Amino acid sequence: MLTVLAFLAYLPYSKHLHLLVAPFNVAFGALRSGSVPEPSEGARFLEEFTWRQLLNALACAECGRCDRACPAFQSGFPLSPKMLVHRIKAVIQTPVLRQNPRATPAILAEAGNVGHIAKPEEVWACAACYACMERCPVFNEHVHLIVEMRRSLVAQGEVGKRMQEALTSLARYGNSFGQPERARAKWVQTLGFPVKDARKEPVEVLWFVGDYASYDPRVQSITCAAARVFQRAGVDFGILYEGERNAGNDVRRAGEEGLFEMLMERNLRELAKAQFRWIVTTDPHTYHVLKNEYRLGENGRGNTKVLHHTELLESLLQMGKLPLQRTLGLTVTYHDPCYLGRSNGVFDPPRRLLKALGVKLVEMPRNRRNSFCCGAGGGRIWMEEVSGSRERPAEIRLREAAKLPGVSTLVVACPKDLVMFQDAVKTAGLEGRIAVRDIVELVEAAMQPAEEGSHVAA
């Protein structure tokens, strides 16, 4: 009895505290992956975190599942989700906070400062892929903690040069490329057929194109391919032209809540001018934020359905409206985008599409909810390379694909994935060994007569 009583007295100060706290942490945990904390000015000191966020630290079992799933940790970046949560627990339990009511404000501030919990380079290493939260057995919300700290760092101006340039461009031009608004739809001129302006005439489907699909030369050919596929399938679609702005998914996860609100309000005003039934996008980041965070129901769009282009194409396939003329002789593997798969559960439509194209699909060891991030999310695509890292997340993922027997093509369904993996092919020395293609490229090839698309199967 004395041993048991002694253990109970010791329990609040031991690593076994999670046995008591974890059930409450699970009960109050987020029900949906991909969420962010409620808008705030961020958290720099301990008292600025919410009770729910501090409960994470006390519930942590230090099992390391988050570290094993984290692309930043696996790449050698200065971030360990487990240690970040553990340090918050250490600050909560530090004697100066717990036992010294006469401690000076300076001592209390030092003990509760974000710098005491995590260095800025740790906070900025996160790709906001939510793999840590997906794998955590006690429903800890590591990304929420990081977003709160990022908000504080942004407010203090502790932002890298490239990130600051991207945020400035987003505020000024509505895109991270620093390009003028009127250049957003320049790719339309190469199509050979007109694309409706959804603000001026009704359309069935509004295509929210996104920044990378609009501006990046490496992705514009994929955007044009998607437009041709929609047109040949008889989809009545239009775009917002220069009215569209970055949807703000990565801006929000980079900690710039005010800029996110500005971008969202501008996009909602443009959406209010358009007449449409559905929204479709080829960008999972845009898909996630439009579907889950734009409050379309509160803005007169309660019945608006947001679709990823793989969902739309798979629906057309089921209705017999996708005019496929040939099968492709390819052996491929498919990469599940974080914001399409893990955050929104869209796993089967792209796989059913690939099956209809006649390709042989070989699954990667880490797939569906356990898919490994390319490293572009959370604003990482706008940041400097991390010095001292072993290998970028995209290179790790690409090598995983290249090891699969017979696989010649890595199929993606996200513009950022395409950019990250095509760069990784060069840096990993895998040119000629594996190709990276967007799924819509394969769909367009299957819509051509065999003699026109034979090069795709080579």
Protein backbone atom coordinates (compact mmCIF):
# COMPACT_ATOMS: atom_id res chain seq x y z
CA MET A 1 0.00 0.00 0.00
CA LEU A 2 2.84 2.38 0.81
CA THR A 3 4.43 1.64 -2.59
CA VAL A 4 1.16 2.32 -4.39
CA LEU A 5 0.58 5.56 -2.47
CA ALA A 6 4.13 6.68 -3.15
CA PHE A 7 3.70 5.97 -6.86
CA LEU A 8 0.46 7.98 -6.94
CA ALA A 9 2.28 10.94 -5.37
CA TYR A 10 5.13 10.55 -7.87
CA LEU A 11 2.87 10.07 -10.92
CA PRO A 12 2.22 13.77 -11.75
CA TYR A 13 5.98 14.38 -12.03
CA SER A 14 6.87 11.23 -13.96
CA LYS A 15 6.70 10.17 -17.60
CA HIS A 16 3.81 7.89 -16.62
CA LEU A 17 1.49 10.90 -16.24
CA HIS A 18 0.16 10.16 -19.72
CA LEU A 19 -1.69 7.13 -18.29
CA LEU A 20 -4.04 9.53 -16.50
CA VAL A 21 -4.17 12.35 -19.04
CA ALA A 22 -4.33 10.44 -22.36
CA PRO A 23 -8.04 9.44 -22.12
CA PHE A 24 -9.01 13.11 -21.71
CA ASN A 25 -6.68 14.13 -24.55
CA VAL A 26 -8.36 11.60 -26.85
CA ALA A 27 -11.82 12.75 -25.76
CA PHE A 28 -11.06 16.37 -26.66
CA GLY A 29 -8.97 15.61 -29.76
CA ALA A 30 -9.59 16.94 -33.26
CA LEU A 31 -11.94 14.75 -35.28
CA ARG A 32 -10.51 15.78 -38.66
CA SER A 33 -6.96 15.71 -39.91
CA GLY A 34 -5.72 18.88 -41.57
CA SER A 35 -7.29 21.31 -39.11
CA VAL A 36 -5.61 24.39 -37.64
CA PRO A 37 -6.11 26.11 -34.28
CA GLU A 38 -8.67 28.87 -34.03
CA PRO A 39 -7.41 32.27 -35.23
CA SER A 40 -5.14 33.88 -32.65
CA GLU A 41 -2.11 36.12 -32.33
CA GLY A 42 0.04 33.07 -31.75
CA ALA A 43 1.78 31.69 -28.70
CA ARG A 44 5.22 32.74 -27.55
CA PHE A 45 4.82 32.16 -23.82
CA LEU A 46 3.40 29.20 -22.00
CA GLU A 47 0.25 30.99 -20.83
CA GLU A 48 -0.61 31.88 -24.45
CA PHE A 49 -1.20 28.27 -25.45
CA THR A 50 -4.71 26.92 -24.91
CA TRP A 51 -5.44 24.35 -22.22
CA ARG A 52 -6.04 21.78 -24.97
CA GLN A 53 -2.61 22.40 -26.47
CA LEU A 54 -0.90 22.10 -23.08
CA LEU A 55 -2.84 18.90 -22.42
CA ASN A 56 -1.01 17.43 -25.45
CA ALA A 57 2.27 17.68 -23.57
CA LEU A 58 0.97 15.91 -20.49
CA ALA A 59 -0.64 13.14 -22.55
CA CYS A 60 2.45 12.34 -24.63
CA ALA A 61 3.68 8.76 -24.16
CA GLU A 62 7.03 9.56 -25.86
CA CYS A 63 6.57 6.52 -28.09
CA GLY A 64 8.27 8.15 -31.10
CA ARG A 65 5.61 7.25 -33.67
CA CYS A 66 5.41 10.92 -34.69
CA ASP A 67 9.16 11.07 -35.33
CA ARG A 68 9.08 7.96 -37.49
CA ALA A 69 6.29 9.47 -39.64
CA CYS A 70 7.71 13.01 -39.81
CA PRO A 71 9.41 13.88 -43.14
CA ALA A 72 11.41 16.66 -41.49
CA PHE A 73 12.82 14.36 -38.79
CA GLN A 74 13.53 11.57 -41.27
CA SER A 75 15.41 14.04 -43.49
CA GLY A 76 17.64 15.23 -40.67
CA PHE A 77 15.92 18.62 -40.30
CA PRO A 78 16.16 20.20 -36.82
CA LEU A 79 12.68 19.08 -35.75
CA SER A 80 11.49 16.22 -33.59
CA PRO A 81 7.73 16.36 -32.95
CA LYS A 82 8.20 14.13 -29.94
CA MET A 83 10.85 16.34 -28.35
CA LEU A 84 8.90 19.50 -29.11
CA VAL A 85 5.93 18.17 -27.13
CA HIS A 86 8.24 16.81 -24.43
CA ARG A 87 9.87 20.24 -23.95
CA ILE A 88 6.48 21.86 -23.43
CA LYS A 89 5.82 19.28 -20.73
CA ALA A 90 9.21 20.06 -19.17
CA VAL A 91 8.39 23.77 -19.08
CA ILE A 92 5.00 23.04 -17.47
CA GLN A 93 6.73 20.96 -14.82
CA THR A 94 9.80 23.19 -14.36
CA PRO A 95 10.31 24.08 -10.69
CA VAL A 96 10.48 27.83 -11.28
CA LEU A 97 6.91 27.80 -12.56
CA ARG A 98 5.57 25.18 -10.21
CA GLN A 99 7.18 26.02 -6.89
CA ASN A 100 8.32 29.65 -6.91
CA PRO A 101 5.44 32.12 -6.70
CA ARG A 102 7.95 34.94 -6.06
CA ALA A 103 9.88 34.37 -9.30
CA THR A 104 10.47 37.57 -11.24
CA PRO A 105 8.61 38.13 -14.52
CA ALA A 106 11.92 37.80 -16.37
CA ILE A 107 12.52 34.31 -14.96
CA LEU A 108 8.96 33.26 -15.68
CA ALA A 109 9.21 34.61 -19.24
CA GLU A 110 12.47 32.77 -19.88
CA ALA A 111 10.98 29.50 -18.68
CA GLY A 112 7.84 29.87 -20.81
CA ASN A 113 9.35 31.40 -23.94
CA VAL A 114 8.96 29.65 -27.31
CA GLY A 115 12.72 29.92 -27.71
CA HIS A 116 13.01 27.77 -24.61
CA ILE A 117 10.70 25.17 -26.15
CA ALA A 118 11.85 25.16 -29.79
CA LYS A 119 14.28 27.18 -31.86
CA PRO A 120 12.79 29.04 -34.85
CA GLU A 121 14.55 26.69 -37.29
CA GLU A 122 12.71 23.76 -35.66
CA VAL A 123 9.35 25.50 -35.95
CA TRP A 124 9.95 26.36 -39.64
CA ALA A 125 11.09 22.81 -40.53
CA CYS A 126 7.52 21.42 -40.36
CA ALA A 127 5.74 20.64 -43.66
CA ALA A 128 2.30 20.56 -41.97
CA CYS A 129 1.60 17.17 -43.51
CA TYR A 130 -0.23 15.92 -40.37
CA ALA A 131 1.53 12.54 -40.46
CA CYS A 132 2.52 13.02 -36.81
CA MET A 133 -1.09 13.62 -35.77
CA GLU A 134 -2.29 10.68 -37.86
CA ARG A 135 0.10 8.28 -36.12
CA CYS A 136 -0.21 9.59 -32.55
CA PRO A 137 -2.03 7.04 -30.34
CA VAL A 138 -3.19 9.74 -27.89
CA PHE A 139 -4.43 12.25 -30.53
CA ASN A 140 -1.79 14.90 -29.88
CA GLU A 141 -1.96 17.92 -32.20
CA HIS A 142 1.67 18.68 -33.00
CA VAL A 143 0.84 20.82 -36.05
CA HIS A 144 -1.47 23.03 -33.97
CA LEU A 145 1.38 23.75 -31.56
CA ILE A 146 3.71 24.59 -34.44
CA VAL A 147 1.18 26.85 -36.19
CA GLU A 148 0.65 28.77 -32.93
CA MET A 149 4.41 29.29 -32.57
CA ARG A 150 4.71 30.28 -36.24
CA ARG A 151 2.03 32.92 -35.78
CA SER A 152 4.09 34.40 -32.98
CA LEU A 153 7.30 34.32 -35.04
CA VAL A 154 5.53 36.00 -37.98
CA ALA A 155 4.22 38.72 -35.65
CA GLN A 156 7.78 39.27 -34.39
CA GLY A 157 9.20 39.35 -37.93
CA GLU A 158 11.30 36.23 -37.37
CA VAL A 159 10.76 34.91 -40.90
CA GLY A 160 13.30 33.70 -43.46
CA LYS A 161 14.09 35.87 -46.49
CA ARG A 162 12.43 33.63 -49.10
CA MET A 163 9.34 33.18 -46.97
CA GLN A 164 9.08 36.93 -46.43
CA GLU A 165 9.37 37.52 -50.19
CA ALA A 166 6.61 34.98 -50.86
CA LEU A 167 4.30 36.51 -48.24
CA THR A 168 4.95 40.00 -49.64
CA SER A 169 4.11 38.80 -53.17
CA LEU A 170 0.95 37.12 -51.91
CA ALA A 171 -0.19 40.32 -50.22
CA ARG A 172 0.63 42.49 -53.24
CA TYR A 173 -0.22 40.28 -56.22
CA GLY A 174 -2.28 37.42 -54.77
CA ASN A 175 0.32 34.83 -55.79
CA SER A 176 3.72 33.72 -54.48
CA PHE A 177 5.46 34.18 -57.84
CA GLY A 178 5.33 37.98 -57.84
CA GLN A 179 3.53 37.88 -61.20
CA PRO A 180 0.81 40.34 -62.26
CA GLU A 181 -2.83 39.35 -61.92
CA ARG A 182 -3.45 39.40 -65.68
CA ALA A 183 -0.75 36.80 -66.27
CA ARG A 184 -2.62 34.22 -64.18
CA ALA A 185 -4.64 32.86 -67.11
CA LYS A 186 -2.01 33.36 -69.81
CA TRP A 187 -1.84 29.58 -70.32
CA VAL A 188 -5.38 29.70 -71.79
CA GLN A 189 -4.00 31.33 -74.96
CA THR A 190 -2.19 28.10 -75.95
CA LEU A 191 -5.29 25.89 -75.86
CA GLY A 192 -6.89 26.63 -79.21
CA PHE A 193 -10.38 26.91 -77.72
CA PRO A 194 -12.00 29.51 -75.44
CA VAL A 195 -12.39 29.04 -71.69
CA LYS A 196 -15.39 30.75 -70.12
CA ASP A 197 -15.07 33.53 -67.57
CA ALA A 198 -17.30 32.21 -64.78
CA ARG A 199 -17.89 35.75 -63.53
CA LYS A 200 -19.55 36.72 -66.81
CA GLU A 201 -21.50 33.62 -67.87
CA PRO A 202 -22.96 30.64 -66.00
CA VAL A 203 -20.97 27.39 -65.89
CA GLU A 204 -21.63 24.02 -64.37
CA VAL A 205 -18.10 23.64 -62.98
CA LEU A 206 -15.90 26.44 -61.69
CA TRP A 207 -12.25 25.48 -61.99
CA PHE A 208 -10.20 27.09 -59.20
CA VAL A 209 -6.82 26.66 -60.86
CA GLY A 210 -4.32 27.63 -58.13
CA ASP A 211 -0.95 29.39 -58.21
CA TYR A 212 1.44 26.65 -59.27
CA ALA A 213 -0.92 25.36 -61.94
CA SER A 214 -1.29 28.92 -63.29
CA TYR A 215 2.20 30.37 -63.09
CA ASP A 216 4.86 27.67 -62.83
CA PRO A 217 6.15 26.77 -66.34
CA ARG A 218 6.78 23.18 -65.17
CA VAL A 219 3.09 22.77 -64.33
CA GLN A 220 1.37 24.83 -67.04
CA SER A 221 1.54 21.95 -69.52
CA ILE A 222 -0.38 19.81 -67.00
CA THR A 223 -2.93 22.60 -66.57
CA CYS A 224 -3.44 22.72 -70.33
CA ALA A 225 -3.78 18.93 -70.43
CA ALA A 226 -6.50 19.11 -67.74
CA ALA A 227 -8.34 21.78 -69.75
CA ARG A 228 -8.23 19.61 -72.89
CA VAL A 229 -9.50 16.58 -70.97
CA PHE A 230 -12.38 18.61 -69.49
CA GLN A 231 -13.24 19.97 -72.93
CA ARG A 232 -13.19 16.58 -74.66
CA ALA A 233 -15.29 15.08 -71.86
CA GLY A 234 -17.94 17.74 -72.41
CA VAL A 235 -17.50 19.48 -69.05
CA ASP A 236 -19.06 22.94 -68.98
CA PHE A 237 -16.31 24.74 -67.05
CA GLY A 238 -14.94 28.22 -66.51
CA ILE A 239 -12.32 30.00 -64.44
CA LEU A 240 -12.07 33.30 -62.53
CA TYR A 241 -9.17 34.61 -64.66
CA GLU A 242 -7.41 37.52 -62.89
CA GLY A 243 -10.03 37.49 -60.13
CA GLU A 244 -8.57 34.38 -58.53
CA ARG A 245 -6.07 34.63 -55.67
CA ASN A 246 -3.99 32.05 -53.85
CA ALA A 247 -6.46 30.06 -51.74
CA GLY A 248 -4.28 30.51 -48.64
CA ASN A 249 -3.91 26.95 -47.33
CA ASP A 250 -0.12 27.15 -46.92
CA VAL A 251 -0.26 30.82 -45.92
CA ARG A 252 -2.41 29.87 -42.95
CA ARG A 253 -0.11 27.02 -41.93
CA ALA A 254 2.87 29.33 -42.23
CA GLY A 255 1.32 31.39 -39.45
CA GLU A 256 0.06 34.40 -41.46
CA GLU A 257 -3.55 34.31 -40.32
CA GLY A 258 -4.26 37.93 -41.31
CA LEU A 259 -3.04 37.38 -44.87
CA PHE A 260 -5.08 34.19 -45.11
CA GLU A 261 -8.23 36.06 -44.11
CA MET A 262 -7.49 38.74 -46.72
CA LEU A 263 -6.99 36.17 -49.50
CA MET A 264 -10.10 34.23 -48.47
CA GLU A 265 -12.30 37.33 -48.40
CA ARG A 266 -11.10 38.37 -51.87
CA ASN A 267 -11.74 34.90 -53.30
CA LEU A 268 -15.18 34.75 -51.69
CA ARG A 269 -16.11 38.07 -53.30
CA GLU A 270 -15.08 36.71 -56.70
CA LEU A 271 -16.95 33.45 -56.12
CA ALA A 272 -20.07 35.47 -55.28
CA LYS A 273 -19.93 37.01 -58.78
CA ALA A 274 -19.92 33.60 -60.49
CA GLN A 275 -22.79 31.22 -61.28
CA PHE A 276 -21.81 27.55 -60.94
CA ARG A 277 -22.80 24.26 -59.35
CA TRP A 278 -19.46 22.71 -58.36
CA ILE A 279 -15.91 23.80 -57.76
CA VAL A 280 -13.08 21.63 -59.10
CA THR A 281 -9.35 22.06 -58.56
CA THR A 282 -6.21 20.15 -59.51
CA ASP A 283 -4.42 21.31 -56.33
CA PRO A 284 -5.07 19.31 -53.11
CA HIS A 285 -3.95 22.27 -50.96
CA THR A 286 -6.59 24.45 -52.61
CA TYR A 287 -9.10 21.60 -52.44
CA HIS A 288 -8.64 21.22 -48.69
CA VAL A 289 -8.97 24.87 -47.77
CA LEU A 290 -11.96 25.54 -50.05
CA LYS A 291 -13.77 22.46 -48.81
CA ASN A 292 -13.05 22.75 -45.10
CA GLU A 293 -12.07 26.31 -44.18
CA TYR A 294 -13.79 28.74 -46.57
CA ARG A 295 -17.16 28.55 -44.81
CA LEU A 296 -18.92 28.42 -48.19
CA GLY A 297 -22.21 27.63 -46.45
CA GLU A 298 -22.01 30.87 -44.48
CA ASN A 299 -21.37 32.80 -47.69
CA GLY A 300 -24.43 31.70 -49.65
CA ARG A 301 -22.83 28.60 -51.13
CA GLY A 302 -24.29 25.96 -48.83
CA ASN A 303 -24.86 23.41 -51.61
CA THR A 304 -21.53 23.91 -53.36
CA LYS A 305 -19.55 20.72 -53.72
CA VAL A 306 -15.77 20.97 -53.94
CA LEU A 307 -14.10 18.25 -56.03
CA HIS A 308 -10.54 17.28 -56.79
CA HIS A 309 -10.07 16.68 -60.52
CA THR A 310 -9.54 12.95 -59.91
CA GLU A 311 -12.99 12.81 -58.29
CA LEU A 312 -14.55 14.64 -61.24
CA LEU A 313 -12.82 12.45 -63.82
CA GLU A 314 -13.71 9.26 -61.97
CA SER A 315 -17.35 10.43 -61.85
CA LEU A 316 -17.28 11.10 -65.60
CA LEU A 317 -15.79 7.64 -66.10
CA GLN A 318 -18.63 6.02 -64.17
CA MET A 319 -21.19 7.92 -66.28
CA GLY A 320 -19.47 6.86 -69.50
CA LYS A 321 -18.53 10.44 -70.40
CA LEU A 322 -14.76 10.01 -70.37
CA PRO A 323 -13.86 8.98 -73.95
CA LEU A 324 -10.94 6.61 -73.34
CA GLN A 325 -9.68 5.02 -76.57
CA ARG A 326 -6.68 2.98 -75.49
CA THR A 327 -4.97 1.34 -72.56
CA LEU A 328 -1.49 2.33 -71.44
CA GLY A 329 1.29 -0.21 -71.14
CA LEU A 330 2.85 1.20 -68.01
CA THR A 331 3.78 -0.09 -64.57
CA VAL A 332 3.33 2.78 -62.14
CA THR A 333 3.14 3.65 -58.50
CA TYR A 334 0.93 6.37 -57.06
CA HIS A 335 1.79 8.98 -54.43
CA ASP A 336 -1.09 9.99 -52.14
CA PRO A 337 -0.96 13.79 -51.61
CA CYS A 338 -1.20 14.71 -47.93
CA TYR A 339 -4.11 17.15 -48.29
CA LEU A 340 -6.06 14.89 -50.64
CA GLY A 341 -5.51 11.56 -48.91
CA ARG A 342 -4.65 11.90 -45.25
CA SER A 343 -6.66 15.08 -44.67
CA ASN A 344 -9.72 14.32 -46.83
CA GLY A 345 -9.80 10.55 -47.35
CA VAL A 346 -9.69 10.66 -51.17
CA PHE A 347 -7.84 7.43 -51.94
CA ASP A 348 -9.94 5.38 -54.34
CA PRO A 349 -10.91 7.76 -57.20
CA PRO A 350 -7.34 8.16 -58.51
CA ARG A 351 -6.74 4.41 -58.18
CA ARG A 352 -9.94 3.59 -60.05
CA LEU A 353 -8.88 6.02 -62.77
CA LEU A 354 -5.50 4.32 -63.11
CA LYS A 355 -7.19 0.93 -63.30
CA ALA A 356 -9.43 2.18 -66.12
CA LEU A 357 -6.34 3.40 -68.00
CA GLY A 358 -5.01 -0.15 -68.06
CA VAL A 359 -1.83 0.52 -66.09
CA LYS A 360 -0.38 -1.88 -63.55
CA LEU A 361 -0.41 -0.17 -60.16
CA VAL A 362 2.25 -1.20 -57.63
CA GLU A 363 1.58 0.33 -54.21
CA MET A 364 4.41 1.88 -52.25
CA PRO A 365 5.04 0.51 -48.74
CA ARG A 366 3.81 3.82 -47.28
CA ASN A 367 0.49 4.61 -48.95
CA ARG A 368 -2.95 6.01 -48.27
CA ARG A 369 -3.06 7.52 -44.74
CA ASN A 370 0.54 6.50 -44.11
CA SER A 371 1.82 8.20 -47.26
CA PHE A 372 5.16 10.01 -46.89
CA CYS A 373 5.09 13.77 -47.55
CA CYS A 374 7.02 15.37 -50.44
CA GLY A 375 8.06 18.20 -48.10
CA ALA A 376 6.36 21.12 -49.88
CA GLY A 377 3.46 21.84 -47.51
CA GLY A 378 3.13 24.33 -44.70
CA GLY A 379 4.99 26.93 -46.75
CA ARG A 380 8.15 24.79 -46.93
CA ILE A 381 8.17 25.21 -50.71
CA TRP A 382 8.82 28.94 -50.12
CA MET A 383 11.68 28.43 -47.65
CA GLU A 384 15.42 28.03 -47.88
CA GLU A 385 16.98 24.58 -47.99
CA VAL A 386 17.85 23.19 -44.55
CA SER A 387 21.62 23.03 -44.09
CA GLY A 388 23.04 19.79 -42.72
CA SER A 389 20.05 17.66 -43.74
CA ARG A 390 20.67 14.12 -44.93
CA GLU A 391 18.23 14.02 -47.82
CA ARG A 392 15.14 15.98 -48.78
CA PRO A 393 11.75 14.32 -48.16
CA ALA A 394 11.03 14.25 -51.92
CA GLU A 395 14.27 12.34 -52.55
CA ILE A 396 13.44 9.81 -49.84
CA ARG A 397 10.01 9.26 -51.37
CA LEU A 398 11.38 9.02 -54.91
CA ARG A 399 13.95 6.40 -53.91
CA GLU A 400 11.12 4.44 -52.28
CA ALA A 401 9.26 4.48 -55.60
CA ALA A 402 12.36 3.62 -57.65
CA LYS A 403 12.96 0.45 -55.59
CA LEU A 404 9.62 -1.07 -56.61
CA PRO A 405 10.04 -3.86 -59.18
CA GLY A 406 9.18 -2.88 -62.75
CA VAL A 407 7.95 0.63 -61.87
CA SER A 408 8.89 3.22 -64.47
CA THR A 409 6.54 6.07 -63.50
CA LEU A 410 5.59 7.84 -60.29
CA VAL A 411 2.06 9.20 -60.73
CA VAL A 412 1.11 12.34 -58.81
CA ALA A 413 -2.08 14.37 -58.44
CA CYS A 414 -0.73 17.65 -57.08
CA PRO A 415 1.19 20.50 -58.77
CA LYS A 416 3.57 20.85 -55.82
CA ASP A 417 4.27 17.10 -55.86
CA LEU A 418 5.12 17.35 -59.55
CA VAL A 419 7.60 20.18 -58.94
CA MET A 420 9.20 18.57 -55.88
CA PHE A 421 9.58 15.11 -57.40
CA GLN A 422 10.84 16.32 -60.77
CA ASP A 423 13.55 18.27 -58.94
CA ALA A 424 14.30 15.20 -56.82
CA VAL A 425 14.79 13.03 -59.93
CA LYS A 426 17.78 15.22 -60.81
CA THR A 427 19.27 15.61 -57.33
CA ALA A 428 18.85 11.92 -56.50
CA GLY A 429 20.50 10.84 -59.75
CA LEU A 430 17.46 8.89 -60.95
CA GLU A 431 17.11 10.43 -64.42
CA GLY A 432 16.27 7.71 -66.90
CA ARG A 433 15.29 5.36 -64.08
CA ILE A 434 11.88 6.78 -63.13
CA ALA A 435 9.61 9.46 -64.60
CA VAL A 436 7.18 11.71 -62.71
CA ARG A 437 3.81 12.34 -64.37
CA ASP A 438 0.53 13.87 -63.31
CA ILE A 439 -2.45 11.54 -63.55
CA VAL A 440 -4.23 13.88 -65.98
CA GLU A 441 -1.36 13.40 -68.46
CA LEU A 442 -2.11 9.69 -68.50
CA VAL A 443 -5.83 10.31 -68.87
CA GLU A 444 -5.23 12.55 -71.89
CA ALA A 445 -2.90 9.94 -73.44
CA ALA A 446 -5.59 7.27 -73.03
CA MET A 447 -8.09 9.54 -74.81
CA GLN A 448 -5.92 9.58 -77.95
CA PRO A 449 -5.78 6.90 -80.64
CA ALA A 450 -2.96 4.42 -80.05
CA GLU A 451 -0.68 5.81 -82.76
CA GLU A 452 -0.91 9.35 -81.30
CA GLY A 453 -0.09 8.41 -77.70
CA SER A 454 2.28 5.50 -78.15
CA HIS A 455 5.21 7.48 -76.78
CA VAL A 456 3.58 7.53 -73.32
CA ALA A 457 3.88 3.77 -72.98
CA ALA A 458 7.54 3.73 -73.93
